[in-house]
Each structure stands twice: as C-alpha cells, then as structure tokens.
C-alpha cells in the first residue's frame, strides 16, 4: 500500500509540473485562439537562457528574473515578425508555423549553447521529503507548489480587465478590431506571458533532469494535459496535469516490470486517443456549436 501511495503522490507532483509546461499552451489558445506547438521548445529555450545567465555569474534568482524578461520579449518578437504576417490565413497555417518553430528551436538552441547536458542548481537539495513512510522527491514537491501558484495567478489574471480583453480577442478577431481592441498587441502579450510560464517549467524541469534538447519533449505530455483538461481551460490544466501525472506514474509502476519499461509514453498516448474519441473538447473545455 505504501508503494501505491508513493507512486500516487509523486505522480501528482510530476503532473503539476506537466501542467506548468502546458500552461503556456493554454494561455496562448485562451488569448489568441491558436494552438501553440512550439511550447516544448520555449520551455527548453528558457532553461538554456537561465543556465547561460547563471554561468555568467548572476545569482540564480536574478538569472530567472532576467530569463523571464528575455522570454517575454521573445514572445513579443514572435508576434511581430511571424504571427502578424499570418493574419487572415487559415488556422492550420498558423499551427504549422508554430510546429516549424518547435523544430527550428529544438535544433538551433542546443547548437548555440552546446548539446551537452547542463545543470541548474536551485539549492533545493537531493534529500527526499519523508511523510509517514512515503518518500517524495523534493524538487517535484517544490515544483508542484510553484505550479499551483502560477496556475492560480493565471486564473486571477483572466478575471482582470486585461484578461477579459484577451479572451474577447480569442473569441473573435474581427469583432475585437471593430470595437477598438488591438488584436496584435493581445496576441503578442499572450506569447510573452507564455514565455514567462516557460521559464518556470524550464527551470524546474531543468533542475531535475538537466538542461538539454530533451526538455522540448515535454510538449508530448503537455498536449495530453491540454487535450484531457480542455485546450481553453486553465482549471483543466490543473486537473489534466494531475490525471496524466498520476496515471503515468501508477500504471508504469506496476506494468514496467512485466513490459520491460517505457510504458509511460504508451499511457500518455492512450489518454490522448481516448479523450479525442470520447470527449474531444476535454473535461472543462468549451464545446462550440456552429449552425451550418
């Protein structure tokens, strides 16, 4: 029973860190109405930036703040140089653009900073936290708490006046232009905020598994989280992250010994397929019904 509880608790904490990686995906869709397939590469890029700034001698927390500012600026730059040229194009073309960014950054960033794994030391320590004979990974515990704070802040943000404007832009670009809202500025802001979220995910995951190109593969569980929870729901990110993390921990914990390992990716794939078949808009996603 203790083994099951340990898998459950650590899986939930990992799921919260998955949710942090998926948060930027939902923020962009909720603000701009476009799926962002470059979020995994943004997480990787943010981790490399923070590592590089730390290697210059900056204290880690200063490096994180500077990395957040740089990633916010990068998000604004993406909107100005790339996305603004896609205005009026089919959504699928914008999706392909973000996929191209993912592939480009996945190769470019390690090429610039070096492909060998780097480390980010947050001063968390390696000793596990033990509660009632249950061992919890200290980094996962801190990461889960940070994820909860950022997800809660995102929920509050979309209740503000600015957040309401971003949701209006997502619903209808033409109507937003008609009432005087700057669609371009809203999309750029959403990408900037997603860049800040990527810093949180990149730093925490980088401190656990090191900083290299494999951080970009967080896109896969992040997609599972947003599909399950709902691509336009921040609350869904939280619930979806917990579900993906727990299932991806408990099921492999018992099946890996018989299957030879690597069943976590299979579990994630099954979650994506079943959700699309049974509830395409996710648990908390909005189901749009159009008259034809």
Protein backbone atom coordinates (compact mmCIF):
# COMPACT_ATOMS: atom_id res chain seq x y z
CA UNK A 1 0.00 0.00 0.00
CA UNK A 2 2.89 2.36 0.81
CA UNK A 3 4.31 1.76 -2.67
CA UNK A 4 0.98 2.70 -4.28
CA UNK A 5 0.69 5.87 -2.19
CA UNK A 6 4.26 6.84 -3.09
CA UNK A 7 3.51 6.39 -6.80
CA UNK A 8 0.28 8.34 -6.38
CA UNK A 9 1.82 11.31 -4.54
CA UNK A 10 4.92 11.61 -6.72
CA UNK A 11 2.78 11.15 -9.83
CA UNK A 12 0.54 14.02 -8.73
CA UNK A 13 3.59 16.25 -8.19
CA UNK A 14 5.01 15.35 -11.61
CA UNK A 15 1.57 16.03 -13.07
CA UNK A 16 1.59 19.54 -11.60
CA UNK A 17 4.94 20.15 -13.31
CA UNK A 18 3.43 18.83 -16.55
CA UNK A 19 0.62 21.33 -16.00
CA UNK A 20 3.19 24.10 -15.68
CA UNK A 21 4.66 23.13 -19.06
CA UNK A 22 1.13 23.05 -20.54
CA UNK A 23 0.11 26.39 -19.02
CA UNK A 24 1.72 28.43 -21.80
CA UNK A 25 -0.13 26.33 -24.39
CA UNK A 26 -3.49 27.18 -22.81
CA UNK A 27 -2.61 30.84 -22.21
CA UNK A 28 -1.91 31.37 -25.92
CA UNK A 29 -5.02 29.49 -27.04
CA UNK A 30 -7.20 31.27 -24.48
CA UNK A 31 -5.86 34.65 -25.61
CA UNK A 32 -5.19 34.18 -29.32
CA UNK A 33 -7.30 31.17 -30.27
CA UNK A 34 -4.31 29.35 -31.82
CA UNK A 35 -2.71 26.07 -30.62
CA UNK A 36 0.98 26.61 -29.92
CA UNK A 37 3.03 23.55 -30.87
CA UNK A 38 6.27 25.38 -30.05
CA UNK A 39 5.70 25.36 -26.28
CA UNK A 40 8.10 22.47 -25.69
CA UNK A 41 10.90 24.35 -27.46
CA UNK A 42 10.07 27.50 -25.48
CA UNK A 43 10.49 25.54 -22.23
CA UNK A 44 13.86 24.25 -23.46
CA UNK A 45 14.96 27.70 -24.63
CA UNK A 46 14.02 29.28 -21.29
CA UNK A 47 16.04 26.69 -19.38
CA UNK A 48 19.10 27.26 -21.59
CA UNK A 49 18.80 31.04 -21.14
CA UNK A 50 18.63 30.80 -17.34
CA UNK A 51 21.56 28.37 -17.30
CA UNK A 52 23.62 30.72 -19.51
CA UNK A 53 22.84 33.78 -17.40
CA UNK A 54 23.77 31.81 -14.28
CA UNK A 55 27.05 30.74 -15.92
CA UNK A 56 27.91 34.44 -16.32
CA UNK A 57 27.96 34.76 -12.54
CA UNK A 58 24.45 36.03 -11.87
CA UNK A 59 22.69 34.65 -8.78
CA UNK A 60 20.16 32.03 -9.84
CA UNK A 61 17.10 34.06 -8.85
CA UNK A 62 18.38 37.10 -10.76
CA UNK A 63 19.05 34.82 -13.73
CA UNK A 64 15.47 33.54 -13.54
CA UNK A 65 14.01 37.07 -13.50
CA UNK A 66 16.26 38.13 -16.37
CA UNK A 67 15.32 34.98 -18.28
CA UNK A 68 11.63 35.75 -17.76
CA UNK A 69 12.13 39.27 -19.16
CA UNK A 70 14.01 37.88 -22.19
CA UNK A 71 11.38 35.23 -22.87
CA UNK A 72 8.62 37.84 -22.60
CA UNK A 73 10.47 39.92 -25.17
CA UNK A 74 10.94 36.86 -27.38
CA UNK A 75 7.19 36.26 -27.30
CA UNK A 76 6.55 39.83 -28.44
CA UNK A 77 9.13 39.36 -31.20
CA UNK A 78 7.45 36.17 -32.43
CA UNK A 79 4.16 38.02 -32.80
CA UNK A 80 5.75 41.00 -34.56
CA UNK A 81 7.93 39.11 -37.04
CA UNK A 82 5.97 35.90 -37.66
CA UNK A 83 2.38 35.81 -36.46
CA UNK A 84 1.42 39.27 -37.71
CA UNK A 85 2.20 38.09 -41.24
CA UNK A 86 -0.30 35.24 -40.77
CA UNK A 87 -3.32 37.48 -40.19
CA UNK A 88 -6.18 36.29 -42.35
CA UNK A 89 -4.57 32.91 -43.04
CA UNK A 90 -6.29 29.61 -42.09
CA UNK A 91 -5.65 28.47 -38.52
CA UNK A 92 -3.91 25.32 -39.77
CA UNK A 93 -1.22 27.51 -41.36
CA UNK A 94 -0.53 29.20 -38.02
CA UNK A 95 -0.37 25.78 -36.34
CA UNK A 96 2.18 24.64 -38.94
CA UNK A 97 4.16 27.82 -38.28
CA UNK A 98 4.39 27.02 -34.56
CA UNK A 99 5.38 23.44 -35.40
CA UNK A 100 8.15 24.79 -37.61
CA UNK A 101 9.31 26.99 -34.72
CA UNK A 102 9.41 23.92 -32.47
CA UNK A 103 11.60 22.01 -34.92
CA UNK A 104 13.86 25.02 -35.59
CA UNK A 105 14.42 25.91 -31.93
CA UNK A 106 14.91 22.26 -30.94
CA UNK A 107 17.96 22.15 -33.22
CA UNK A 108 19.12 25.78 -33.01
CA UNK A 109 19.24 26.36 -29.25
CA UNK A 110 21.42 23.33 -28.36
CA UNK A 111 23.61 24.25 -31.32
CA UNK A 112 24.18 27.74 -29.89
CA UNK A 113 24.64 26.83 -26.21
CA UNK A 114 26.09 23.34 -26.63
CA UNK A 115 24.34 19.98 -26.78
CA UNK A 116 25.91 18.50 -23.64
CA UNK A 117 23.59 18.43 -20.59
CA UNK A 118 23.79 21.42 -18.26
CA UNK A 119 22.67 21.72 -14.66
CA UNK A 120 20.63 24.33 -12.83
CA UNK A 121 21.13 24.37 -9.06
CA UNK A 122 18.18 25.91 -7.26
CA UNK A 123 19.55 24.99 -3.84
CA UNK A 124 16.65 22.61 -3.24
CA UNK A 125 18.81 19.63 -2.31
CA UNK A 126 18.53 15.97 -3.24
CA UNK A 127 17.29 14.51 0.04
CA UNK A 128 13.68 13.27 -0.27
CA UNK A 129 10.87 14.52 1.93
CA UNK A 130 9.53 11.65 4.05
CA UNK A 131 5.96 11.79 5.34
CA UNK A 132 4.50 8.68 7.01
CA UNK A 133 6.94 6.34 5.23
CA UNK A 134 6.14 7.94 1.86
CA UNK A 135 9.20 9.29 0.01
CA UNK A 136 8.54 12.45 -2.02
CA UNK A 137 11.02 13.97 -4.46
CA UNK A 138 11.94 17.37 -3.01
CA UNK A 139 12.29 19.01 -6.44
CA UNK A 140 8.90 17.67 -7.54
CA UNK A 141 7.35 18.96 -4.31
CA UNK A 142 8.73 22.48 -4.80
CA UNK A 143 7.82 22.34 -8.49
CA UNK A 144 4.27 21.29 -7.70
CA UNK A 145 3.83 24.20 -5.28
CA UNK A 146 5.22 26.67 -7.84
CA UNK A 147 2.90 25.23 -10.48
CA UNK A 148 -0.11 25.72 -8.20
CA UNK A 149 0.89 29.35 -7.58
CA UNK A 150 1.33 30.14 -11.28
CA UNK A 151 -1.89 28.38 -12.29
CA UNK A 152 -3.78 30.26 -9.57
CA UNK A 153 -2.23 33.55 -10.74
CA UNK A 154 -3.30 32.76 -14.31
CA UNK A 155 -6.89 32.15 -13.17
CA UNK A 156 -6.91 35.50 -11.40
CA UNK A 157 -5.33 37.24 -14.40
CA UNK A 158 -8.19 36.24 -16.71
CA UNK A 159 -10.63 37.82 -14.26
CA UNK A 160 -8.96 41.20 -14.68
CA UNK A 161 -9.93 43.76 -17.30
CA UNK A 162 -6.88 42.95 -19.40
CA UNK A 163 -7.58 39.23 -19.18
CA UNK A 164 -11.16 39.83 -20.31
CA UNK A 165 -9.87 41.72 -23.35
CA UNK A 166 -7.58 38.81 -24.25
CA UNK A 167 -10.49 36.37 -24.04
CA UNK A 168 -12.55 38.66 -26.29
CA UNK A 169 -9.75 38.68 -28.87
CA UNK A 170 -9.63 34.88 -28.78
CA UNK A 171 -13.38 34.63 -29.41
CA UNK A 172 -13.49 36.89 -32.47
CA UNK A 173 -10.62 38.86 -34.01
CA UNK A 174 -12.82 40.86 -36.39
CA UNK A 175 -15.27 41.91 -33.66
CA UNK A 176 -12.34 42.87 -31.43
CA UNK A 177 -10.90 45.09 -34.16
CA UNK A 178 -14.36 46.61 -34.65
CA UNK A 179 -14.61 47.74 -31.01
CA UNK A 180 -11.07 49.13 -30.95
CA UNK A 181 -9.14 46.30 -29.31
CA UNK A 182 -5.59 45.77 -30.56
CA UNK A 183 -5.57 42.14 -31.65
CA UNK A 184 -1.85 42.26 -32.47
CA UNK A 185 -0.96 43.60 -29.02
CA UNK A 186 -3.16 41.00 -27.33
CA UNK A 187 -1.56 38.12 -29.25
CA UNK A 188 1.93 39.45 -28.53
CA UNK A 189 1.10 39.78 -24.83
CA UNK A 190 -0.21 36.21 -24.70
CA UNK A 191 3.01 34.89 -26.25
CA UNK A 192 5.04 36.96 -23.79
CA UNK A 193 3.13 35.54 -20.83
CA UNK A 194 3.54 32.04 -22.24
CA UNK A 195 7.29 32.72 -22.39
CA UNK A 196 7.28 33.59 -18.69
CA UNK A 197 5.40 30.36 -17.92
CA UNK A 198 8.02 28.50 -19.98
CA UNK A 199 10.73 29.89 -17.69
CA UNK A 200 9.03 28.38 -14.64
CA UNK A 201 8.66 25.00 -16.32
CA UNK A 202 12.14 25.04 -17.88
CA UNK A 203 13.94 25.95 -14.67
CA UNK A 204 12.12 23.38 -12.54
CA UNK A 205 12.41 20.54 -15.05
CA UNK A 206 16.00 21.56 -15.82
CA UNK A 207 16.91 21.31 -12.15
CA UNK A 208 15.51 17.76 -12.09
CA UNK A 209 16.73 16.20 -15.34
CA UNK A 210 19.33 18.65 -16.60
CA UNK A 211 19.17 21.19 -19.40
CA UNK A 212 19.41 19.78 -22.92
CA UNK A 213 17.24 19.27 -26.00
CA UNK A 214 15.12 16.59 -24.26
CA UNK A 215 13.28 19.34 -22.35
CA UNK A 216 11.46 20.09 -25.60
CA UNK A 217 9.86 16.62 -25.42
CA UNK A 218 7.69 17.97 -22.59
CA UNK A 219 5.43 19.04 -25.46
CA UNK A 220 4.07 15.47 -25.59
CA UNK A 221 2.73 15.22 -22.02
CA UNK A 222 1.71 18.90 -22.22
CA UNK A 223 -0.50 18.12 -25.21
CA UNK A 224 -2.04 15.21 -23.28
CA UNK A 225 -2.76 17.58 -20.38
CA UNK A 226 -4.50 20.22 -22.52
CA UNK A 227 -6.46 17.67 -24.55
CA UNK A 228 -7.72 15.95 -21.40
CA UNK A 229 -8.39 19.09 -19.37
CA UNK A 230 -9.61 21.29 -22.22
CA UNK A 231 -7.47 23.39 -24.51
CA UNK A 232 -9.04 26.67 -23.37
CA UNK A 233 -9.38 25.90 -19.64
CA UNK A 234 -6.79 26.83 -17.01
CA UNK A 235 -8.72 24.78 -14.47
CA UNK A 236 -8.48 21.92 -16.95
CA UNK A 237 -4.68 22.28 -16.98
CA UNK A 238 -4.64 21.58 -13.26
CA UNK A 239 -6.98 18.58 -13.40
CA UNK A 240 -5.48 17.24 -16.62
CA UNK A 241 -1.96 17.55 -15.25
CA UNK A 242 -2.85 15.63 -12.11
CA UNK A 243 -4.58 12.90 -14.12
CA UNK A 244 -1.75 12.49 -16.64
CA UNK A 245 0.88 12.53 -13.89
CA UNK A 246 -0.89 10.02 -11.65
CA UNK A 247 -1.78 7.60 -14.44
CA UNK A 248 1.71 7.96 -15.90
CA UNK A 249 3.21 7.03 -12.54
CA UNK A 250 0.92 4.37 -11.09
CA UNK A 251 0.34 2.27 -14.21
CA UNK A 252 4.03 2.06 -15.27
CA UNK A 253 4.93 1.46 -11.63
CA UNK A 254 3.19 -1.90 -11.85
CA UNK A 255 3.47 -2.71 -15.57
CA UNK A 256 7.10 -1.80 -16.32
CA UNK A 257 8.38 -4.93 -14.58
CA UNK A 258 6.37 -7.09 -17.00
CA UNK A 259 6.54 -4.96 -20.16
CA UNK A 260 10.25 -4.21 -19.99
CA UNK A 261 9.77 -0.50 -19.24
CA UNK A 262 8.79 2.59 -21.28
CA UNK A 263 5.06 2.20 -20.70
CA UNK A 264 4.66 5.84 -19.58
CA UNK A 265 4.59 7.14 -23.16
CA UNK A 266 2.06 4.43 -24.03
CA UNK A 267 -0.19 5.57 -21.17
CA UNK A 268 0.09 9.19 -22.34
CA UNK A 269 -0.78 8.19 -25.91
CA UNK A 270 -3.82 6.22 -24.74
CA UNK A 271 -5.03 9.23 -22.73
CA UNK A 272 -4.83 11.42 -25.84
CA UNK A 273 -6.63 8.89 -28.07
CA UNK A 274 -9.42 8.07 -25.61
CA UNK A 275 -10.07 11.73 -24.83
CA UNK A 276 -10.34 12.64 -28.50
CA UNK A 277 -12.72 9.72 -29.12
CA UNK A 278 -14.92 10.16 -26.04
CA UNK A 279 -14.78 13.88 -25.20
CA UNK A 280 -12.99 15.85 -27.94
CA UNK A 281 -13.26 19.21 -26.14
CA UNK A 282 -11.81 17.82 -22.89
CA UNK A 283 -13.19 17.76 -19.35
CA UNK A 284 -13.55 21.52 -18.92
CA UNK A 285 -13.09 22.73 -22.49
CA UNK A 286 -15.76 24.79 -24.20
CA UNK A 287 -17.78 22.95 -26.82
CA UNK A 288 -18.57 25.32 -29.68
CA UNK A 289 -21.68 24.51 -31.70
CA UNK A 290 -21.95 26.21 -35.07
CA UNK A 291 -25.03 26.47 -37.28
CA UNK A 292 -24.39 25.35 -40.86
